[in-house]
Amino acid sequence: MSTPTPTPDPAGPTPYPRSDLPGQVRIVEVGPRDGLQAEPTTVATADKVAFVARLADAGLDPIEVTSFVRPDRVPQLADAAEVMAEVDLSRGARPVLVPNPRGYHRARDAGATRVSVFVSATESFARANLGTDRDTALAMAGSVVELAAADAVPVRGYVSMCFGDPWEGAVAPSVVAEVALTLLEQGCASVSLGDTIGVGTAGQVRAVVDASRAAGVGADRIALHFHDTYGQAVANVLAGLECGITEFDGAAGGLGGCPFAGSATGNLATEDLVWLLEGLGIPTGVDLAALAATSGWMSGLLGRPAPSAVTRALTR
């Protein structure tokens, strides 16, 4: 009896739509910034520019390109201005992260037309990351938003440590909601709630979203940003979808971590996110094969395999 010939790997999952989930989702690709900022290997400027171009070719938009932080704090992104000078800014939204007014001015001088600010839900991480207390960090973010408003530059807010903090432990959903609402009241267009150390669970996602809604933060202004430390990121996305969230962050290949939180591991891989969404019948417009190839290429530059399960499956 002959052995059956195995079928080739699928180009994507078989879709089984669910009528109770959003019909459209926005993916924010953060690999070039949040993915590379904590990698021990510093990627060459030309390769960062090529990375952004390949991600765009795969259909991703927006793509967060870099961060205008102090080079001594995040040396992997010390070439922010050089990257911005080479990236094709006409192909779509190319936001950058800025920590303070000085960073904002540097970003604007480099041609940035969209920026993000970041704060922490906890005091301990605010001091570890920004070197100040949480209220001062919020005020600094507000100063950036004011400058951006005068230039008609949209601002996205990031809130770190929304699901757990390595120094403080569990974080109350009401605290996350308070910080998120403050950013919106300052003028941020949306807020991305981050599970910076990847300890969140599906039930906790619902609690955080429910608390934010109760505080006046609409689901349409919430994005979710997961790390995959305990393998829960995809499950947490599904929980977010069930809460009506329609914007999620991902990093190609599952790159990254956080340079100021040693327990943080890689981001939710964009490929894994796309596989989930497409399997639920939610179109993404992303060429999964091209994205997996790009992640495999970047992993080769970094000298280690991609953490993404989908990339490993599609490139083996």
C-alpha atoms as a PDB file:
ATOM      1  CA  MET A   1       0.000   0.000   0.000  1.00  0.00           C
ATOM      2  CA  SER A   2       1.485   3.323  -1.051  1.00  0.00           C
ATOM      3  CA  THR A   3       2.110   6.090   1.422  1.00  0.00           C
ATOM      4  CA  PRO A   4      -0.075   9.175   0.796  1.00  0.00           C
ATOM      5  CA  THR A   5       1.777  12.250  -0.402  1.00  0.00           C
ATOM      6  CA  PRO A   6       1.582  14.970   2.266  1.00  0.00           C
ATOM      7  CA  THR A   7      -0.144  18.155   1.239  1.00  0.00           C
ATOM      8  CA  PRO A   8       1.875  21.383   1.175  1.00  0.00           C
ATOM      9  CA  ASP A   9       1.671  23.761   4.095  1.00  0.00           C
ATOM     10  CA  PRO A  10      -1.372  26.038   3.756  1.00  0.00           C
ATOM     11  CA  ALA A  11      -0.968  29.653   2.728  1.00  0.00           C
ATOM     12  CA  GLY A  12      -3.185  30.541   5.667  1.00  0.00           C
ATOM     13  CA  PRO A  13      -5.835  29.170   7.993  1.00  0.00           C
ATOM     14  CA  THR A  14      -9.266  28.027   6.909  1.00  0.00           C
ATOM     15  CA  PRO A  15     -11.652  30.821   7.941  1.00  0.00           C
ATOM     16  CA  TYR A  16     -14.558  30.118  10.278  1.00  0.00           C
ATOM     17  CA  PRO A  17     -16.197  33.507  10.901  1.00  0.00           C
ATOM     18  CA  ARG A  18     -17.940  34.366  14.151  1.00  0.00           C
ATOM     19  CA  SER A  19     -20.826  36.788  13.965  1.00  0.00           C
ATOM     20  CA  ASP A  20     -20.202  38.033  17.509  1.00  0.00           C
ATOM     21  CA  LEU A  21     -16.750  39.433  16.694  1.00  0.00           C
ATOM     22  CA  PRO A  22     -15.706  42.640  14.900  1.00  0.00           C
ATOM     23  CA  GLY A  23     -15.651  42.385  11.133  1.00  0.00           C
ATOM     24  CA  GLN A  24     -12.525  44.514  10.745  1.00  0.00           C
ATOM     25  CA  VAL A  25      -9.363  44.932  12.807  1.00  0.00           C
ATOM     26  CA  ARG A  26      -6.419  47.309  12.580  1.00  0.00           C
ATOM     27  CA  ILE A  27      -2.933  45.891  13.145  1.00  0.00           C
ATOM     28  CA  VAL A  28      -0.219  48.292  14.300  1.00  0.00           C
ATOM     29  CA  GLU A  29       3.196  46.840  13.447  1.00  0.00           C
ATOM     30  CA  VAL A  30       5.715  47.781  16.156  1.00  0.00           C
ATOM     31  CA  GLY A  31       8.595  45.468  15.245  1.00  0.00           C
ATOM     32  CA  PRO A  32      11.044  48.119  13.995  1.00  0.00           C
ATOM     33  CA  ARG A  33      10.646  50.062  17.246  1.00  0.00           C
ATOM     34  CA  ASP A  34       9.402  47.926  20.134  1.00  0.00           C
ATOM     35  CA  GLY A  35      10.783  44.781  18.573  1.00  0.00           C
ATOM     36  CA  LEU A  36      14.348  45.976  18.019  1.00  0.00           C
ATOM     37  CA  GLN A  37      14.757  48.242  21.043  1.00  0.00           C
ATOM     38  CA  ALA A  38      15.555  45.406  23.469  1.00  0.00           C
ATOM     39  CA  GLU A  39      17.428  43.058  21.157  1.00  0.00           C
ATOM     40  CA  PRO A  40      21.051  42.491  22.231  1.00  0.00           C
ATOM     41  CA  THR A  41      22.145  42.783  18.594  1.00  0.00           C
ATOM     42  CA  THR A  42      22.086  46.256  17.057  1.00  0.00           C
ATOM     43  CA  VAL A  43      20.719  46.142  13.517  1.00  0.00           C
ATOM     44  CA  ALA A  44      22.375  48.289  10.838  1.00  0.00           C
ATOM     45  CA  THR A  45      20.484  51.372   9.688  1.00  0.00           C
ATOM     46  CA  ALA A  46      20.168  50.083   6.117  1.00  0.00           C
ATOM     47  CA  ASP A  47      18.691  46.827   7.394  1.00  0.00           C
ATOM     48  CA  LYS A  48      16.147  48.700   9.541  1.00  0.00           C
ATOM     49  CA  VAL A  49      15.072  50.673   6.482  1.00  0.00           C
ATOM     50  CA  ALA A  50      14.801  47.457   4.474  1.00  0.00           C
ATOM     51  CA  PHE A  51      12.807  45.895   7.329  1.00  0.00           C
ATOM     52  CA  VAL A  52      10.207  48.675   7.173  1.00  0.00           C
ATOM     53  CA  ALA A  53       9.999  48.376   3.384  1.00  0.00           C
ATOM     54  CA  ARG A  54       9.521  44.601   3.528  1.00  0.00           C
ATOM     55  CA  LEU A  55       6.811  44.944   6.174  1.00  0.00           C
ATOM     56  CA  ALA A  56       5.043  47.477   3.965  1.00  0.00           C
ATOM     57  CA  ASP A  57       5.362  45.115   0.979  1.00  0.00           C
ATOM     58  CA  ALA A  58       3.638  42.443   3.105  1.00  0.00           C
ATOM     59  CA  GLY A  59       0.676  44.783   3.528  1.00  0.00           C
ATOM     60  CA  LEU A  60       1.241  46.212   6.994  1.00  0.00           C
ATOM     61  CA  ASP A  61       0.244  49.789   7.797  1.00  0.00           C
ATOM     62  CA  PRO A  62       0.793  51.591  10.113  1.00  0.00           C
ATOM     63  CA  ILE A  63       4.378  50.650  10.960  1.00  0.00           C
ATOM     64  CA  GLU A  64       6.025  52.225  14.001  1.00  0.00           C
ATOM     65  CA  VAL A  65       9.481  53.019  12.704  1.00  0.00           C
ATOM     66  CA  THR A  66      11.698  54.055  15.623  1.00  0.00           C
ATOM     67  CA  SER A  67      11.943  56.013  18.864  1.00  0.00           C
ATOM     68  CA  PHE A  68      13.550  59.379  19.574  1.00  0.00           C
ATOM     69  CA  VAL A  69      14.841  58.527  23.030  1.00  0.00           C
ATOM     70  CA  ARG A  70      18.259  59.178  24.523  1.00  0.00           C
ATOM     71  CA  PRO A  71      20.823  57.035  22.691  1.00  0.00           C
ATOM     72  CA  ASP A  72      22.494  56.055  25.958  1.00  0.00           C
ATOM     73  CA  ARG A  73      19.175  54.683  27.218  1.00  0.00           C
ATOM     74  CA  VAL A  74      18.238  52.722  24.079  1.00  0.00           C
ATOM     75  CA  PRO A  75      21.397  52.422  21.943  1.00  0.00           C
ATOM     76  CA  GLN A  76      19.685  50.060  19.489  1.00  0.00           C
ATOM     77  CA  LEU A  77      17.631  53.043  18.237  1.00  0.00           C
ATOM     78  CA  ALA A  78      20.357  55.684  18.333  1.00  0.00           C
ATOM     79  CA  ASP A  79      20.081  56.085  14.552  1.00  0.00           C
ATOM     80  CA  ALA A  80      16.442  57.264  14.644  1.00  0.00           C
ATOM     81  CA  ALA A  81      17.042  60.358  12.507  1.00  0.00           C
ATOM     82  CA  GLU A  82      19.073  58.394   9.956  1.00  0.00           C
ATOM     83  CA  VAL A  83      16.332  55.753   9.676  1.00  0.00           C
ATOM     84  CA  MET A  84      13.668  58.418   9.153  1.00  0.00           C
ATOM     85  CA  ALA A  85      15.785  60.038   6.448  1.00  0.00           C
ATOM     86  CA  GLU A  86      15.829  56.785   4.459  1.00  0.00           C
ATOM     87  CA  VAL A  87      12.367  55.314   5.102  1.00  0.00           C
ATOM     88  CA  ASP A  88       9.768  56.019   2.422  1.00  0.00           C
ATOM     89  CA  LEU A  89       7.308  58.101   4.428  1.00  0.00           C
ATOM     90  CA  SER A  90       4.873  58.317   1.518  1.00  0.00           C
ATOM     91  CA  ARG A  91       3.836  54.657   1.678  1.00  0.00           C
ATOM     92  CA  GLY A  92       1.613  54.920   4.757  1.00  0.00           C
ATOM     93  CA  ALA A  93       1.516  55.905   8.412  1.00  0.00           C
ATOM     94  CA  ARG A  94       4.984  55.800   9.984  1.00  0.00           C
ATOM     95  CA  PRO A  95       4.619  56.870  13.638  1.00  0.00           C
ATOM     96  CA  VAL A  96       7.561  57.228  16.009  1.00  0.00           C
ATOM     97  CA  LEU A  97       7.767  57.117  19.784  1.00  0.00           C
ATOM     98  CA  VAL A  98       8.864  60.236  21.692  1.00  0.00           C
ATOM     99  CA  PRO A  99       9.445  60.488  25.468  1.00  0.00           C
ATOM    100  CA  ASN A 100       9.332  64.238  25.987  1.00  0.00           C
ATOM    101  CA  PRO A 101       9.206  67.626  24.188  1.00  0.00           C
ATOM    102  CA  ARG A 102      12.872  67.398  23.205  1.00  0.00           C
ATOM    103  CA  GLY A 103      12.243  64.027  21.588  1.00  0.00           C
ATOM    104  CA  TYR A 104       9.194  65.455  19.851  1.00  0.00           C
ATOM    105  CA  HIS A 105      11.193  68.290  18.301  1.00  0.00           C
ATOM    106  CA  ARG A 106      13.854  65.839  17.121  1.00  0.00           C
ATOM    107  CA  ALA A 107      11.170  63.654  15.581  1.00  0.00           C
ATOM    108  CA  ARG A 108       9.513  66.576  13.809  1.00  0.00           C
ATOM    109  CA  ASP A 109      12.873  67.756  12.472  1.00  0.00           C
ATOM    110  CA  ALA A 110      13.335  64.262  11.062  1.00  0.00           C
ATOM    111  CA  GLY A 111      10.008  64.424   9.229  1.00  0.00           C
ATOM    112  CA  ALA A 112       7.679  62.558  11.595  1.00  0.00           C
ATOM    113  CA  THR A 113       3.983  63.298  11.067  1.00  0.00           C
ATOM    114  CA  ARG A 114       2.612  60.889  13.699  1.00  0.00           C
ATOM    115  CA  VAL A 115       3.963  60.311  17.186  1.00  0.00           C
ATOM    116  CA  SER A 116       3.302  58.176  20.234  1.00  0.00           C
ATOM    117  CA  VAL A 117       3.868  58.957  23.904  1.00  0.00           C
ATOM    118  CA  PHE A 118       4.286  56.429  26.679  1.00  0.00           C
ATOM    119  CA  VAL A 119       3.517  56.327  30.381  1.00  0.00           C
ATOM    120  CA  SER A 120       3.221  53.624  33.008  1.00  0.00           C
ATOM    121  CA  ALA A 121       0.218  52.435  34.975  1.00  0.00           C
ATOM    122  CA  THR A 122       2.560  51.884  37.939  1.00  0.00           C
ATOM    123  CA  GLU A 123       4.921  54.101  39.917  1.00  0.00           C
ATOM    124  CA  SER A 124       7.787  51.606  39.947  1.00  0.00           C
ATOM    125  CA  PHE A 125       7.998  51.229  36.197  1.00  0.00           C
ATOM    126  CA  ALA A 126       7.599  54.974  35.665  1.00  0.00           C
ATOM    127  CA  ARG A 127      10.738  55.461  37.724  1.00  0.00           C
ATOM    128  CA  ALA A 128      12.612  52.590  36.044  1.00  0.00           C
ATOM    129  CA  ASN A 129      11.626  53.585  32.507  1.00  0.00           C
ATOM    130  CA  LEU A 130      11.310  57.376  32.548  1.00  0.00           C
ATOM    131  CA  GLY A 131      13.224  58.205  35.711  1.00  0.00           C
ATOM    132  CA  THR A 132      10.293  60.061  37.262  1.00  0.00           C
ATOM    133  CA  ASP A 133       7.018  59.473  39.084  1.00  0.00           C
ATOM    134  CA  ARG A 134       3.853  58.543  37.236  1.00  0.00           C
ATOM    135  CA  ASP A 135       2.160  61.943  37.524  1.00  0.00           C
ATOM    136  CA  THR A 136       5.211  63.750  36.174  1.00  0.00           C
ATOM    137  CA  ALA A 137       5.392  61.271  33.287  1.00  0.00           C
ATOM    138  CA  LEU A 138       1.740  61.969  32.509  1.00  0.00           C
ATOM    139  CA  ALA A 139       2.387  65.708  32.590  1.00  0.00           C
ATOM    140  CA  MET A 140       5.355  65.247  30.233  1.00  0.00           C
ATOM    141  CA  ALA A 141       3.156  63.272  27.856  1.00  0.00           C
ATOM    142  CA  GLY A 142       0.609  66.085  28.033  1.00  0.00           C
ATOM    143  CA  SER A 143       3.290  68.583  27.028  1.00  0.00           C
ATOM    144  CA  VAL A 144       4.080  66.505  23.939  1.00  0.00           C
ATOM    145  CA  VAL A 145       0.392  66.260  23.056  1.00  0.00           C
ATOM    146  CA  GLU A 146       0.094  70.064  23.265  1.00  0.00           C
ATOM    147  CA  LEU A 147       3.034  70.541  20.911  1.00  0.00           C
ATOM    148  CA  ALA A 148       1.645  67.956  18.526  1.00  0.00           C
ATOM    149  CA  ALA A 149      -1.811  69.540  18.543  1.00  0.00           C
ATOM    150  CA  ALA A 150      -0.279  72.858  17.477  1.00  0.00           C
ATOM    151  CA  ASP A 151       1.310  71.040  14.526  1.00  0.00           C
ATOM    152  CA  ALA A 152      -1.850  68.993  13.771  1.00  0.00           C
ATOM    153  CA  VAL A 153       0.137  65.809  14.470  1.00  0.00           C
ATOM    154  CA  PRO A 154      -1.934  62.846  15.735  1.00  0.00           C
ATOM    155  CA  VAL A 155      -0.745  61.267  18.987  1.00  0.00           C
ATOM    156  CA  ARG A 156      -1.206  57.725  20.232  1.00  0.00           C
ATOM    157  CA  GLY A 157      -0.723  56.932  23.910  1.00  0.00           C
ATOM    158  CA  TYR A 158       0.920  53.810  25.309  1.00  0.00           C
ATOM    159  CA  VAL A 159       0.269  52.642  28.860  1.00  0.00           C
ATOM    160  CA  SER A 160       2.804  50.090  30.108  1.00  0.00           C
ATOM    161  CA  MET A 161       2.377  47.530  32.908  1.00  0.00           C
ATOM    162  CA  CYS A 162      -1.415  47.311  32.591  1.00  0.00           C
ATOM    163  CA  PHE A 163      -1.621  43.637  33.581  1.00  0.00           C
ATOM    164  CA  GLY A 164       1.224  43.184  36.038  1.00  0.00           C
ATOM    165  CA  ASP A 165       4.431  44.841  37.222  1.00  0.00           C
ATOM    166  CA  PRO A 166       7.670  43.011  38.168  1.00  0.00           C
ATOM    167  CA  TRP A 167       8.102  45.237  41.237  1.00  0.00           C
ATOM    168  CA  GLU A 168       4.499  45.811  42.318  1.00  0.00           C
ATOM    169  CA  GLY A 169       2.760  42.617  41.198  1.00  0.00           C
ATOM    170  CA  ALA A 170      -0.884  42.758  40.151  1.00  0.00           C
ATOM    171  CA  VAL A 171      -2.209  46.046  38.755  1.00  0.00           C
ATOM    172  CA  ALA A 172      -5.788  47.089  39.497  1.00  0.00           C
ATOM    173  CA  PRO A 173      -7.886  47.558  36.325  1.00  0.00           C
ATOM    174  CA  SER A 174      -9.218  50.828  37.784  1.00  0.00           C
ATOM    175  CA  VAL A 175      -5.682  52.237  37.874  1.00  0.00           C
ATOM    176  CA  VAL A 176      -5.176  51.379  34.192  1.00  0.00           C
ATOM    177  CA  ALA A 177      -8.496  53.017  33.338  1.00  0.00           C
ATOM    178  CA  GLU A 178      -7.519  56.190  35.195  1.00  0.00           C
ATOM    179  CA  VAL A 179      -4.234  56.554  33.305  1.00  0.00           C
ATOM    180  CA  ALA A 180      -5.844  55.747  29.943  1.00  0.00           C
ATOM    181  CA  LEU A 181      -8.571  58.334  30.504  1.00  0.00           C
ATOM    182  CA  THR A 182      -5.983  60.973  31.415  1.00  0.00           C
ATOM    183  CA  LEU A 183      -4.148  60.414  28.119  1.00  0.00           C
ATOM    184  CA  LEU A 184      -7.378  60.751  26.157  1.00  0.00           C
ATOM    185  CA  GLU A 185      -8.340  63.896  28.046  1.00  0.00           C
ATOM    186  CA  GLN A 186      -4.922  65.346  27.202  1.00  0.00           C
ATOM    187  CA  GLY A 187      -5.695  64.824  23.524  1.00  0.00           C
ATOM    188  CA  CYS A 188      -4.390  61.395  22.521  1.00  0.00           C
ATOM    189  CA  ALA A 189      -6.449  59.901  19.719  1.00  0.00           C
ATOM    190  CA  SER A 190      -6.246  56.402  21.216  1.00  0.00           C
ATOM    191  CA  VAL A 191      -4.485  54.439  23.938  1.00  0.00           C
ATOM    192  CA  SER A 192      -2.654  51.132  23.655  1.00  0.00           C
ATOM    193  CA  LEU A 193      -2.846  49.128  26.891  1.00  0.00           C
ATOM    194  CA  GLY A 194       0.274  47.022  27.268  1.00  0.00           C
ATOM    195  CA  ASP A 195       0.927  43.705  28.980  1.00  0.00           C
ATOM    196  CA  THR A 196       4.604  44.589  29.165  1.00  0.00           C
ATOM    197  CA  ILE A 197       5.771  41.440  30.971  1.00  0.00           C
ATOM    198  CA  GLY A 198       3.242  39.087  29.405  1.00  0.00           C
ATOM    199  CA  VAL A 199       1.444  37.919  32.544  1.00  0.00           C
ATOM    200  CA  GLY A 200      -2.104  38.807  31.468  1.00  0.00           C
ATOM    201  CA  THR A 201      -4.896  36.277  31.049  1.00  0.00           C
ATOM    202  CA  ALA A 202      -8.096  36.322  29.034  1.00  0.00           C
ATOM    203  CA  GLY A 203     -10.284  37.054  32.047  1.00  0.00           C
ATOM    204  CA  GLN A 204      -7.992  39.885  33.063  1.00  0.00           C
ATOM    205  CA  VAL A 205      -8.268  41.407  29.571  1.00  0.00           C
ATOM    206  CA  ARG A 206     -12.034  41.613  29.990  1.00  0.00           C
ATOM    207  CA  ALA A 207     -11.634  43.169  33.464  1.00  0.00           C
ATOM    208  CA  VAL A 208      -9.243  45.854  32.171  1.00  0.00           C
ATOM    209  CA  VAL A 209     -11.422  46.676  29.154  1.00  0.00           C
ATOM    210  CA  ASP A 210     -14.585  46.747  31.290  1.00  0.00           C
ATOM    211  CA  ALA A 211     -12.948  49.075  33.830  1.00  0.00           C
ATOM    212  CA  SER A 212     -11.738  51.373  31.063  1.00  0.00           C
ATOM    213  CA  ARG A 213     -15.180  51.515  29.502  1.00  0.00           C
ATOM    214  CA  ALA A 214     -16.759  52.270  32.869  1.00  0.00           C
ATOM    215  CA  ALA A 215     -14.322  55.178  33.269  1.00  0.00           C
ATOM    216  CA  GLY A 216     -15.372  56.625  29.919  1.00  0.00           C
ATOM    217  CA  VAL A 217     -12.739  55.124  27.606  1.00  0.00           C
ATOM    218  CA  GLY A 218     -14.638  53.729  24.624  1.00  0.00           C
ATOM    219  CA  ALA A 219     -13.629  50.412  23.090  1.00  0.00           C
ATOM    220  CA  ASP A 220     -13.103  52.237  19.795  1.00  0.00           C
ATOM    221  CA  ARG A 221     -10.240  54.192  21.394  1.00  0.00           C
ATOM    222  CA  ILE A 222      -8.513  51.207  23.019  1.00  0.00           C
ATOM    223  CA  ALA A 223      -5.751  49.138  21.450  1.00  0.00           C
ATOM    224  CA  LEU A 224      -4.204  46.096  23.118  1.00  0.00           C
ATOM    225  CA  HIS A 225      -0.488  45.307  23.189  1.00  0.00           C
ATOM    226  CA  PHE A 226       0.486  41.836  24.373  1.00  0.00           C
ATOM    227  CA  HIS A 227       3.741  40.059  25.093  1.00  0.00           C
ATOM    228  CA  ASP A 228       3.889  36.270  24.950  1.00  0.00           C
ATOM    229  CA  THR A 229       5.909  35.355  28.036  1.00  0.00           C
ATOM    230  CA  TYR A 230       3.458  32.662  29.150  1.00  0.00           C
ATOM    231  CA  GLY A 231       2.026  31.847  25.728  1.00  0.00           C
ATOM    232  CA  GLN A 232      -1.214  33.719  26.385  1.00  0.00           C
ATOM    233  CA  ALA A 233      -0.988  36.517  23.808  1.00  0.00           C
ATOM    234  CA  VAL A 234      -3.247  34.975  21.148  1.00  0.00           C
ATOM    235  CA  ALA A 235      -5.830  33.937  23.748  1.00  0.00           C
ATOM    236  CA  ASN A 236      -5.756  37.481  25.080  1.00  0.00           C
ATOM    237  CA  VAL A 237      -6.379  38.881  21.597  1.00  0.00           C
ATOM    238  CA  LEU A 238      -9.456  36.687  21.297  1.00  0.00           C
ATOM    239  CA  ALA A 239     -10.669  37.990  24.657  1.00  0.00           C
ATOM    240  CA  GLY A 240     -10.126  41.520  23.387  1.00  0.00           C
ATOM    241  CA  LEU A 241     -12.085  40.798  20.219  1.00  0.00           C
ATOM    242  CA  GLU A 242     -14.932  39.456  22.344  1.00  0.00           C
ATOM    243  CA  CYS A 243     -14.895  42.811  24.174  1.00  0.00           C
ATOM    244  CA  GLY A 244     -15.207  44.694  20.884  1.00  0.00           C
ATOM    245  CA  ILE A 245     -11.581  45.843  20.595  1.00  0.00           C
ATOM    246  CA  THR A 246     -10.537  46.379  16.986  1.00  0.00           C
ATOM    247  CA  GLU A 247      -6.889  47.475  17.233  1.00  0.00           C
ATOM    248  CA  PHE A 248      -3.961  45.268  18.232  1.00  0.00           C
ATOM    249  CA  ASP A 249      -0.199  45.714  18.205  1.00  0.00           C
ATOM    250  CA  GLY A 250       2.141  43.074  16.842  1.00  0.00           C
ATOM    251  CA  ALA A 251       5.845  42.708  16.142  1.00  0.00           C
ATOM    252  CA  ALA A 252       7.019  40.703  13.154  1.00  0.00           C
ATOM    253  CA  GLY A 253       8.495  37.398  14.242  1.00  0.00           C
ATOM    254  CA  GLY A 254       7.681  38.037  17.906  1.00  0.00           C
ATOM    255  CA  LEU A 255      10.677  40.325  18.311  1.00  0.00           C
ATOM    256  CA  GLY A 256      11.512  42.322  21.365  1.00  0.00           C
ATOM    257  CA  GLY A 257      10.877  42.770  25.039  1.00  0.00           C
ATOM    258  CA  CYS A 258      11.522  45.807  27.167  1.00  0.00           C
ATOM    259  CA  PRO A 259      14.980  47.174  28.035  1.00  0.00           C
ATOM    260  CA  PHE A 260      13.718  48.359  31.446  1.00  0.00           C
ATOM    261  CA  ALA A 261      11.829  45.237  32.548  1.00  0.00           C
ATOM    262  CA  GLY A 262      14.084  42.197  32.593  1.00  0.00           C
ATOM    263  CA  SER A 263      11.179  39.735  32.822  1.00  0.00           C
ATOM    264  CA  ALA A 264       9.612  40.964  29.576  1.00  0.00           C
ATOM    265  CA  THR A 265       9.935  38.674  26.574  1.00  0.00           C
ATOM    266  CA  GLY A 266       8.964  39.058  22.959  1.00  0.00           C
ATOM    267  CA  ASN A 267       5.899  40.815  21.632  1.00  0.00           C
ATOM    268  CA  LEU A 268       2.917  39.020  20.183  1.00  0.00           C
ATOM    269  CA  ALA A 269       4.136  37.932  16.751  1.00  0.00           C
ATOM    270  CA  THR A 270       2.288  39.701  13.957  1.00  0.00           C
ATOM    271  CA  GLU A 271       2.146  36.414  12.012  1.00  0.00           C
ATOM    272  CA  ASP A 272       0.430  34.653  14.914  1.00  0.00           C
ATOM    273  CA  LEU A 273      -2.019  37.543  15.193  1.00  0.00           C
ATOM    274  CA  VAL A 274      -2.760  37.423  11.456  1.00  0.00           C
ATOM    275  CA  TRP A 275      -3.285  33.642  11.543  1.00  0.00           C
ATOM    276  CA  LEU A 276      -5.811  34.026  14.383  1.00  0.00           C
ATOM    277  CA  LEU A 277      -7.695  36.861  12.701  1.00  0.00           C
ATOM    278  CA  GLU A 278      -7.835  35.243   9.280  1.00  0.00           C
ATOM    279  CA  GLY A 279      -8.985  32.007  10.887  1.00  0.00           C
ATOM    280  CA  LEU A 280     -11.863  33.916  12.448  1.00  0.00           C
ATOM    281  CA  GLY A 281     -12.824  35.330   9.057  1.00  0.00           C
ATOM    282  CA  ILE A 282     -11.465  38.799   9.870  1.00  0.00           C
ATOM    283  CA  PRO A 283      -9.475  40.000   6.819  1.00  0.00           C
ATOM    284  CA  THR A 284      -6.119  41.658   7.461  1.00  0.00           C
ATOM    285  CA  GLY A 285      -4.775  42.389   3.992  1.00  0.00           C
ATOM    286  CA  VAL A 286      -1.432  40.913   5.085  1.00  0.00           C
ATOM    287  CA  ASP A 287       0.550  38.549   2.870  1.00  0.00           C
ATOM    288  CA  LEU A 288       1.382  35.942   5.485  1.00  0.00           C
ATOM    289  CA  ALA A 289       4.091  34.210   3.424  1.00  0.00           C
ATOM    290  CA  ALA A 290       5.863  37.522   2.747  1.00  0.00           C
ATOM    291  CA  LEU A 291       5.617  38.491   6.411  1.00  0.00           C
ATOM    292  CA  ALA A 292       7.007  35.142   7.579  1.00  0.00           C
ATOM    293  CA  ALA A 293       9.871  35.437   5.094  1.00  0.00           C
ATOM    294  CA  THR A 294      10.643  38.924   6.400  1.00  0.00           C
ATOM    295  CA  SER A 295      10.646  37.702   9.983  1.00  0.00           C
ATOM    296  CA  GLY A 296      12.925  34.827   9.037  1.00  0.00           C
ATOM    297  CA  TRP A 297      15.277  37.285   7.334  1.00  0.00           C
ATOM    298  CA  MET A 298      15.389  39.538  10.399  1.00  0.00           C
ATOM    299  CA  SER A 299      15.957  36.552  12.684  1.00  0.00           C
ATOM    300  CA  GLY A 300      18.960  35.663  10.555  1.00  0.00           C
ATOM    301  CA  LEU A 301      20.364  39.162  11.085  1.00  0.00           C
ATOM    302  CA  LEU A 302      19.813  38.793  14.831  1.00  0.00           C
ATOM    303  CA  GLY A 303      21.395  35.337  14.869  1.00  0.00           C
ATOM    304  CA  ARG A 304      18.526  33.427  16.452  1.00  0.00           C
ATOM    305  CA  PRO A 305      15.287  31.702  15.439  1.00  0.00           C
ATOM    306  CA  ALA A 306      12.057  33.706  15.296  1.00  0.00           C
ATOM    307  CA  PRO A 307       9.878  33.106  18.368  1.00  0.00           C
ATOM    308  CA  SER A 308       6.764  33.123  16.149  1.00  0.00           C
ATOM    309  CA  ALA A 309       5.138  29.676  15.823  1.00  0.00           C
ATOM    310  CA  VAL A 310       3.611  30.645  12.463  1.00  0.00           C
ATOM    311  CA  THR A 311       6.946  31.803  11.066  1.00  0.00           C
ATOM    312  CA  ARG A 312       8.599  28.575  12.171  1.00  0.00           C
ATOM    313  CA  ALA A 313       5.817  26.556  10.506  1.00  0.00           C
ATOM    314  CA  LEU A 314       5.865  28.498   7.234  1.00  0.00           C
ATOM    315  CA  THR A 315       9.648  28.731   6.835  1.00  0.00           C
ATOM    316  CA  ARG A 316      10.806  25.281   7.969  1.00  0.00           C
END
